[in-house]
Amino acid sequence: MSEESTHGPAVAGVVTAVVGFTSTFVVALAGLAAVGATAEQAASGLLTLCLTQALGMLWLSLRHRIPVTLAWSTPGAALLASSAGVAGGWPAAVGAFVVTGLLILLTSLVPRLGDLVAAIPHTLAMAMLAGILLPLCLAPVTALVASPTVVAPVVLTWVVLLRLARRWAVPGALAVALGTVVVTAGVDAATLAPQLTWTTPEWSASALVGVALPLYVVTMASQNVPGVAVMSGFGYRVPWRESLAVTGIGTVAGAPTGGHAINLAAISAALAAGPAAGPDRSRRWVAAVSAAITYVVLALASGLLVAMVVAAPDGVMQAAAGVALLGTLGSSLADALADPREREAAAATLVVAASGVSVLGIGAAFWALLVGLVLRAFLRRAPARSPVRTR
């Protein structure tokens, strides 16, 4: 075994973890904070997500010798960030995370449940995701107007790198944002050492319907299913049921310490499974192993990163999160509105999800999907034919 055959996959795995982590950790923290997590609990959640997905990657990649990579649910984090809180507070949110993990695990045991998720029209699922993302993607605009001196460098860095080195556009913008924090606020590295904080789960009907169910749907539809497709495109067959079992167990185990959901990686999966991980496809599983090890190292920075986010000037981190989600928003809109026959139902789903309304304590994502399904069924119903008149 030559040195070259292992060096390429190992480096690709490090890049996969660094890009995946830096591109979306602000979104994950924003989601946890929105449903009631304190700074310490959010740091614990970030640490937990890194560790559970690292353990899952090690299990799957070493067992099957394929580059299976995992990630936290970024669409799920965006869903949480767009919510107006949870009835019952943080303990109820943790209870919803547990139920989400149980639903993912149950999907691995009962294939029919996965069929039900697959039966949700893709246009409506993407429209719901787009509606969730839209308010978050408006943040760079409003923040730029409100605080141009601190937000403009973040946005400009993203624009320039998007042209020169697309992969590093979001990490670069985030690096500038964190640099702004260091210069303007000053953060003591010892303020938040990495630690796990336990929360005993509680359950409420509104949290289960308004958080657990939409979190399960967006995680399955926007992460797990595309993740399998990406891997298939590079010639790998993902152990579907086992991957769901691993991520479901990881989500349940990580929920009491703040992890909202882990799943198959989608976009970042291409970095570990594609040609960037070396010409030898049989050795690319090494990239998943090195990505897992890198996530463990990155987990050690969770406390410091939360401290920097807390100390950031208003608008800086929101802008970084917004530009990080613009690509996902664009692809979601394209998928949601692609079919003219589905366009009205998808548009209705989008605007309800973007509204952020809460009815009966249940958030907008659930109502958006319900409105879309009902309107789609009504519009697709064949109109009654007028009786034929005879002379």
Protein backbone atom coordinates (compact mmCIF):
# COMPACT_ATOMS: atom_id res chain seq x y z
CA MET A 1 0.00 0.00 0.00
CA SER A 2 1.65 3.21 -1.15
CA GLU A 3 1.72 6.42 0.83
CA GLU A 4 -0.14 8.19 -1.99
CA SER A 5 -3.10 5.78 -1.77
CA THR A 6 -3.84 6.77 1.83
CA HIS A 7 -2.75 10.42 1.86
CA GLY A 8 -5.40 11.66 -0.59
CA PRO A 9 -8.41 10.15 1.23
CA ALA A 10 -7.12 11.27 4.63
CA VAL A 11 -6.77 14.89 3.54
CA ALA A 12 -10.16 14.77 1.79
CA GLY A 13 -11.73 13.63 5.05
CA VAL A 14 -10.22 16.52 6.97
CA VAL A 15 -11.51 18.96 4.35
CA THR A 16 -14.96 17.32 4.50
CA ALA A 17 -15.17 17.81 8.27
CA VAL A 18 -13.75 21.34 8.30
CA VAL A 19 -16.01 22.55 5.49
CA GLY A 20 -19.08 20.82 6.92
CA PHE A 21 -18.46 22.13 10.44
CA THR A 22 -17.52 25.71 9.65
CA SER A 23 -20.26 26.12 7.04
CA THR A 24 -23.17 25.36 9.34
CA PHE A 25 -22.24 25.35 13.03
CA VAL A 26 -23.65 28.87 13.42
CA VAL A 27 -27.00 27.60 12.10
CA ALA A 28 -26.92 24.69 14.56
CA LEU A 29 -26.25 27.03 17.48
CA ALA A 30 -28.96 29.44 16.34
CA GLY A 31 -31.46 26.59 16.19
CA LEU A 32 -30.66 25.35 19.69
CA ALA A 33 -30.82 28.87 21.12
CA ALA A 34 -34.19 29.51 19.44
CA VAL A 35 -35.80 26.59 21.27
CA GLY A 36 -34.52 27.65 24.66
CA ALA A 37 -30.94 26.41 25.06
CA THR A 38 -28.57 28.47 27.20
CA ALA A 39 -25.04 29.12 25.98
CA GLU A 40 -23.78 26.14 28.02
CA GLN A 41 -26.53 23.87 26.67
CA ALA A 42 -25.89 25.00 23.09
CA ALA A 43 -22.17 24.29 23.50
CA SER A 44 -23.05 20.87 24.87
CA GLY A 45 -25.32 20.29 21.88
CA LEU A 46 -22.59 21.19 19.38
CA LEU A 47 -20.12 18.93 21.20
CA THR A 48 -22.67 16.11 21.22
CA LEU A 49 -23.46 16.44 17.51
CA CYS A 50 -19.77 16.23 16.63
CA LEU A 51 -19.18 13.16 18.80
CA THR A 52 -22.28 11.20 17.80
CA GLN A 53 -21.76 11.69 14.09
CA ALA A 54 -18.06 10.84 14.47
CA LEU A 55 -18.90 7.56 16.21
CA GLY A 56 -21.52 6.77 13.57
CA MET A 57 -19.07 7.43 10.74
CA LEU A 58 -16.44 5.21 12.31
CA TRP A 59 -18.93 2.36 12.71
CA LEU A 60 -20.33 2.53 9.18
CA SER A 61 -17.10 3.21 7.29
CA LEU A 62 -14.99 0.62 9.10
CA ARG A 63 -17.74 -2.00 8.92
CA HIS A 64 -18.60 -1.55 5.24
CA ARG A 65 -15.38 -0.02 3.88
CA ILE A 66 -17.24 2.74 2.05
CA PRO A 67 -16.96 6.51 2.64
CA VAL A 68 -20.23 6.99 4.54
CA THR A 69 -20.19 10.45 6.12
CA LEU A 70 -22.69 11.84 8.61
CA ALA A 71 -23.68 15.38 9.53
CA TRP A 72 -26.03 17.18 11.84
CA SER A 73 -29.36 18.10 10.30
CA THR A 74 -28.76 21.60 8.93
CA PRO A 75 -32.32 21.89 7.58
CA GLY A 76 -33.49 20.73 11.01
CA ALA A 77 -31.38 23.39 12.70
CA ALA A 78 -32.85 26.00 10.34
CA LEU A 79 -36.31 24.75 11.26
CA LEU A 80 -35.53 25.26 14.94
CA ALA A 81 -33.99 28.68 14.28
CA SER A 82 -37.13 29.82 12.47
CA SER A 83 -39.41 28.80 15.34
CA ALA A 84 -40.76 31.13 17.98
CA GLY A 85 -39.79 28.83 20.83
CA VAL A 86 -41.34 25.65 22.16
CA ALA A 87 -44.15 25.27 24.68
CA GLY A 88 -42.41 23.73 27.67
CA GLY A 89 -39.05 25.32 26.87
CA TRP A 90 -35.75 23.56 26.42
CA PRO A 91 -36.74 20.29 28.19
CA ALA A 92 -39.69 19.92 25.80
CA ALA A 93 -37.40 20.60 22.84
CA VAL A 94 -35.07 17.86 24.08
CA GLY A 95 -38.07 15.54 24.33
CA ALA A 96 -38.89 16.35 20.71
CA PHE A 97 -35.30 15.50 19.70
CA VAL A 98 -35.68 12.11 21.40
CA VAL A 99 -38.90 11.42 19.48
CA THR A 100 -37.22 12.47 16.21
CA GLY A 101 -34.48 9.93 16.83
CA LEU A 102 -37.05 7.24 17.66
CA LEU A 103 -38.89 7.98 14.41
CA ILE A 104 -35.66 7.64 12.42
CA LEU A 105 -34.88 4.38 14.23
CA LEU A 106 -38.42 3.14 13.65
CA THR A 107 -38.03 3.91 9.94
CA SER A 108 -35.10 1.49 9.83
CA LEU A 109 -37.27 -1.22 11.39
CA VAL A 110 -40.53 -0.51 9.57
CA PRO A 111 -39.87 0.23 5.88
CA ARG A 112 -43.50 1.31 5.45
CA LEU A 113 -42.77 4.41 7.54
CA GLY A 114 -40.05 5.38 5.10
CA ASP A 115 -42.54 4.86 2.27
CA LEU A 116 -44.90 7.34 3.93
CA VAL A 117 -42.16 9.97 4.07
CA ALA A 118 -41.29 9.25 0.45
CA ALA A 119 -44.98 9.71 -0.41
CA ILE A 120 -44.81 13.38 0.63
CA PRO A 121 -44.49 15.25 -2.70
CA HIS A 122 -40.91 16.39 -3.17
CA THR A 123 -42.11 19.81 -4.31
CA LEU A 124 -43.95 20.39 -1.03
CA ALA A 125 -41.08 19.13 1.12
CA MET A 126 -38.69 21.47 -0.67
CA ALA A 127 -41.18 24.34 -0.47
CA MET A 128 -41.47 23.83 3.28
CA LEU A 129 -37.68 23.87 3.57
CA ALA A 130 -37.44 27.00 1.42
CA GLY A 131 -39.99 28.76 3.61
CA ILE A 132 -38.03 27.80 6.71
CA LEU A 133 -34.80 29.12 5.18
CA LEU A 134 -36.14 32.36 3.69
CA PRO A 135 -36.30 34.44 6.92
CA LEU A 136 -32.80 33.27 7.86
CA CYS A 137 -31.43 34.18 4.43
CA LEU A 138 -32.85 37.70 4.76
CA ALA A 139 -30.55 38.32 7.73
CA PRO A 140 -27.49 39.38 5.68
CA VAL A 141 -29.60 42.05 3.96
CA THR A 142 -31.11 43.55 7.11
CA ALA A 143 -27.84 43.23 9.03
CA LEU A 144 -25.88 44.92 6.23
CA VAL A 145 -28.21 47.93 6.35
CA ALA A 146 -28.22 48.09 10.15
CA SER A 147 -24.49 47.49 10.77
CA PRO A 148 -22.58 47.93 7.50
CA THR A 149 -19.11 48.35 9.02
CA VAL A 150 -19.07 44.94 10.71
CA VAL A 151 -21.29 42.98 8.31
CA ALA A 152 -19.94 44.21 4.94
CA PRO A 153 -16.58 42.38 5.31
CA VAL A 154 -18.45 39.11 5.92
CA VAL A 155 -20.65 39.49 2.85
CA LEU A 156 -17.83 40.73 0.60
CA THR A 157 -15.60 37.82 1.62
CA TRP A 158 -18.38 35.41 0.72
CA VAL A 159 -18.92 37.06 -2.69
CA VAL A 160 -15.22 37.07 -3.60
CA LEU A 161 -14.58 33.49 -2.52
CA LEU A 162 -17.77 32.35 -4.23
CA ARG A 163 -16.11 33.49 -7.45
CA LEU A 164 -12.57 32.29 -6.72
CA ALA A 165 -12.94 29.23 -4.46
CA ARG A 166 -16.61 28.29 -4.04
CA ARG A 167 -15.98 25.53 -1.51
CA TRP A 168 -14.37 27.96 0.92
CA ALA A 169 -16.81 30.84 0.49
CA VAL A 170 -18.87 30.09 3.61
CA PRO A 171 -15.92 29.05 5.83
CA GLY A 172 -14.10 32.19 4.72
CA ALA A 173 -17.05 34.42 5.55
CA LEU A 174 -17.34 32.75 8.93
CA ALA A 175 -13.62 33.24 9.60
CA VAL A 176 -14.04 36.96 8.93
CA ALA A 177 -17.07 37.05 11.23
CA LEU A 178 -15.14 35.36 14.04
CA GLY A 179 -12.21 37.68 13.43
CA THR A 180 -14.58 40.62 13.83
CA VAL A 181 -15.64 39.22 17.20
CA VAL A 182 -12.04 38.90 18.36
CA VAL A 183 -11.25 42.47 17.34
CA THR A 184 -14.41 44.17 18.56
CA ALA A 185 -15.46 42.10 21.57
CA GLY A 186 -12.52 40.10 22.82
CA VAL A 187 -13.24 36.58 24.04
CA ASP A 188 -11.56 34.75 26.88
CA ALA A 189 -10.68 31.26 25.66
CA ALA A 190 -11.45 29.86 29.09
CA THR A 191 -15.00 31.21 29.27
CA LEU A 192 -16.63 28.02 28.10
CA ALA A 193 -14.59 24.83 28.26
CA PRO A 194 -16.12 21.93 26.30
CA GLN A 195 -18.51 19.99 28.51
CA LEU A 196 -21.70 17.97 28.30
CA THR A 197 -24.77 19.37 30.04
CA TRP A 198 -27.61 16.96 30.79
CA THR A 199 -31.26 17.93 30.39
CA THR A 200 -34.01 15.51 31.39
CA PRO A 201 -36.45 15.31 28.47
CA GLU A 202 -40.06 16.37 28.84
CA TRP A 203 -42.85 15.87 26.37
CA SER A 204 -45.71 18.06 25.20
CA ALA A 205 -48.15 17.48 22.37
CA SER A 206 -47.34 20.80 20.70
CA ALA A 207 -43.60 20.10 20.76
CA LEU A 208 -44.10 16.64 19.29
CA VAL A 209 -46.33 17.90 16.46
CA GLY A 210 -44.62 21.24 15.91
CA VAL A 211 -40.99 20.20 16.34
CA ALA A 212 -40.44 16.43 16.30
CA LEU A 213 -42.56 15.64 13.24
CA PRO A 214 -41.28 18.49 10.99
CA LEU A 215 -37.71 17.83 12.17
CA TYR A 216 -38.09 14.18 11.18
CA VAL A 217 -39.57 15.05 7.79
CA VAL A 218 -36.95 17.64 6.80
CA THR A 219 -34.13 15.40 8.03
CA MET A 220 -35.36 12.44 6.01
CA ALA A 221 -36.37 14.38 2.88
CA SER A 222 -33.54 16.93 2.79
CA GLN A 223 -30.63 14.94 4.19
CA ASN A 224 -31.03 11.16 4.28
CA VAL A 225 -32.66 10.63 0.88
CA PRO A 226 -30.32 13.04 -0.99
CA GLY A 227 -27.38 11.54 0.91
CA VAL A 228 -28.13 8.11 -0.56
CA ALA A 229 -28.46 9.66 -4.02
CA VAL A 230 -25.08 11.41 -3.76
CA MET A 231 -23.36 8.20 -2.70
CA SER A 232 -25.10 6.26 -5.47
CA GLY A 233 -23.83 8.79 -7.98
CA PHE A 234 -20.27 7.83 -7.03
CA GLY A 235 -21.02 4.11 -7.22
CA TYR A 236 -21.56 3.34 -3.53
CA ARG A 237 -24.55 1.53 -2.10
CA VAL A 238 -25.37 2.94 1.32
CA PRO A 239 -26.54 0.40 3.93
CA TRP A 240 -29.86 2.25 4.22
CA ARG A 241 -31.52 0.53 7.16
CA GLU A 242 -28.33 0.28 9.17
CA SER A 243 -27.51 3.95 8.52
CA LEU A 244 -30.96 4.95 9.75
CA ALA A 245 -30.52 2.75 12.82
CA VAL A 246 -27.12 4.27 13.60
CA THR A 247 -28.30 7.87 13.15
CA GLY A 248 -31.55 7.21 15.00
CA ILE A 249 -29.74 5.71 17.98
CA GLY A 250 -27.19 8.53 17.86
CA THR A 251 -29.95 11.15 17.86
CA VAL A 252 -31.76 9.53 20.81
CA ALA A 253 -28.53 9.13 22.78
CA GLY A 254 -27.40 12.68 22.05
CA ALA A 255 -30.71 14.45 22.69
CA PRO A 256 -30.40 14.83 26.51
CA THR A 257 -27.09 16.64 26.05
CA GLY A 258 -28.44 18.91 23.30
CA GLY A 259 -28.02 17.16 19.96
CA HIS A 260 -31.07 17.78 17.75
CA ALA A 261 -30.48 15.20 14.97
CA ILE A 262 -27.75 13.51 12.97
CA ASN A 263 -28.16 12.02 9.49
CA LEU A 264 -26.41 11.04 6.30
CA ALA A 265 -24.38 13.88 4.84
CA ALA A 266 -25.64 15.14 1.49
CA ILE A 267 -23.59 17.95 -0.08
CA SER A 268 -20.41 17.34 1.94
CA ALA A 269 -20.64 13.61 1.17
CA ALA A 270 -19.29 14.34 -2.29
CA LEU A 271 -15.99 15.56 -0.83
CA ALA A 272 -15.29 12.18 0.78
CA ALA A 273 -16.87 9.91 -1.85
CA GLY A 274 -15.77 11.72 -5.01
CA PRO A 275 -12.51 11.96 -6.95
CA ALA A 276 -11.12 14.47 -4.44
CA ALA A 277 -10.65 11.52 -2.09
CA GLY A 278 -8.26 9.80 -4.47
CA PRO A 279 -8.44 7.72 -7.66
CA ASP A 280 -8.82 4.40 -5.83
CA ARG A 281 -12.51 4.04 -4.94
CA SER A 282 -11.78 1.10 -2.66
CA ARG A 283 -9.66 3.33 -0.39
CA ARG A 284 -11.98 6.33 -0.08
CA TRP A 285 -13.48 4.94 3.13
CA VAL A 286 -10.34 6.32 4.79
CA ALA A 287 -11.77 9.79 4.16
CA ALA A 288 -14.77 8.99 6.38
CA VAL A 289 -12.45 7.81 9.14
CA SER A 290 -10.29 10.94 8.98
CA ALA A 291 -13.44 13.10 8.89
CA ALA A 292 -14.67 11.39 12.06
CA ILE A 293 -11.35 12.01 13.83
CA THR A 294 -11.39 15.65 12.70
CA TYR A 295 -14.90 16.11 14.12
CA VAL A 296 -13.67 14.88 17.49
CA VAL A 297 -10.93 17.51 17.39
CA LEU A 298 -13.38 20.21 16.31
CA ALA A 299 -15.71 19.22 19.17
CA LEU A 300 -13.10 20.48 21.61
CA ALA A 301 -13.65 24.01 20.28
CA SER A 302 -17.42 23.96 20.90
CA GLY A 303 -17.33 26.00 24.10
CA LEU A 304 -15.06 28.69 22.70
CA LEU A 305 -17.12 29.00 19.51
CA VAL A 306 -20.31 29.48 21.49
CA ALA A 307 -18.61 32.16 23.58
CA MET A 308 -17.59 33.96 20.38
CA VAL A 309 -21.10 33.73 18.94
CA VAL A 310 -22.54 35.18 22.16
CA ALA A 311 -20.01 38.02 22.14
CA ALA A 312 -20.52 38.85 18.46
CA PRO A 313 -21.90 42.27 17.47
CA ASP A 314 -25.53 42.20 16.37
CA GLY A 315 -25.95 40.93 12.84
CA VAL A 316 -22.49 39.44 12.26
CA MET A 317 -23.26 35.79 12.97
CA GLN A 318 -26.76 36.10 11.53
CA ALA A 319 -25.20 37.31 8.29
CA ALA A 320 -22.74 34.41 8.27
CA ALA A 321 -25.58 31.94 8.82
CA GLY A 322 -27.65 33.57 6.10
CA VAL A 323 -25.00 33.32 3.39
CA ALA A 324 -24.32 29.73 4.46
CA LEU A 325 -27.92 28.81 3.68
CA LEU A 326 -28.35 30.72 0.39
CA GLY A 327 -27.23 27.79 -1.74
CA THR A 328 -29.67 25.45 -0.03
CA LEU A 329 -32.43 28.03 -0.41
CA GLY A 330 -31.75 28.32 -4.12
CA SER A 331 -31.83 24.58 -4.75
CA SER A 332 -34.96 24.19 -2.60
CA LEU A 333 -36.77 26.90 -4.56
CA ALA A 334 -35.74 25.36 -7.87
CA ASP A 335 -37.09 21.95 -6.84
CA ALA A 336 -40.24 23.36 -5.23
CA LEU A 337 -41.33 25.41 -8.23
CA ALA A 338 -40.05 23.23 -11.06
CA ASP A 339 -43.39 21.55 -11.86
CA PRO A 340 -46.02 24.05 -13.04
CA ARG A 341 -48.81 21.75 -11.89
CA GLU A 342 -47.51 21.84 -8.32
CA ARG A 343 -46.59 25.52 -8.26
CA GLU A 344 -49.57 26.97 -6.41
CA ALA A 345 -49.53 24.34 -3.67
CA ALA A 346 -45.76 24.71 -3.32
CA ALA A 347 -46.01 28.51 -3.15
CA ALA A 348 -48.69 28.27 -0.45
CA THR A 349 -46.49 25.85 1.51
CA LEU A 350 -43.56 28.23 1.21
CA VAL A 351 -45.35 31.35 2.41
CA VAL A 352 -46.98 29.59 5.37
CA ALA A 353 -43.61 28.17 6.44
CA ALA A 354 -41.95 31.58 6.00
CA SER A 355 -44.67 33.32 8.02
CA GLY A 356 -43.47 31.83 11.28
CA VAL A 357 -47.02 31.64 12.62
CA SER A 358 -47.87 29.41 15.54
CA VAL A 359 -51.41 28.03 15.94
CA LEU A 360 -52.44 25.95 18.97
CA GLY A 361 -48.80 26.04 20.03
CA ILE A 362 -47.73 24.27 16.83
CA GLY A 363 -45.16 25.93 14.59
CA ALA A 364 -45.48 27.06 10.99
CA ALA A 365 -43.64 24.12 9.38
CA PHE A 366 -46.38 21.66 10.28
CA TRP A 367 -49.17 23.96 9.09
CA ALA A 368 -47.26 24.71 5.88
CA LEU A 369 -47.04 21.05 4.96
CA LEU A 370 -50.70 20.50 5.89
CA VAL A 371 -51.85 23.49 3.79
CA GLY A 372 -49.77 22.33 0.85
CA LEU A 373 -51.09 18.77 0.96
CA VAL A 374 -54.72 19.88 1.23
CA LEU A 375 -54.42 22.47 -1.55
CA ARG A 376 -52.57 20.04 -3.80
CA ALA A 377 -55.25 17.38 -3.33
CA PHE A 378 -58.02 19.92 -4.01
CA LEU A 379 -56.38 21.28 -7.17
CA ARG A 380 -55.60 17.82 -8.52
CA ARG A 381 -59.16 16.57 -8.07
CA ALA A 382 -60.79 16.28 -11.46
CA PRO A 383 -63.69 18.73 -11.86
CA ALA A 384 -67.11 17.16 -12.04
CA ARG A 385 -68.30 16.83 -15.59
CA SER A 386 -71.53 18.45 -16.63
CA PRO A 387 -74.21 15.95 -17.64
CA VAL A 388 -74.55 15.48 -21.35
CA ARG A 389 -77.78 17.01 -22.58
CA THR A 390 -79.65 15.28 -25.35
CA ARG A 391 -82.10 16.94 -27.61
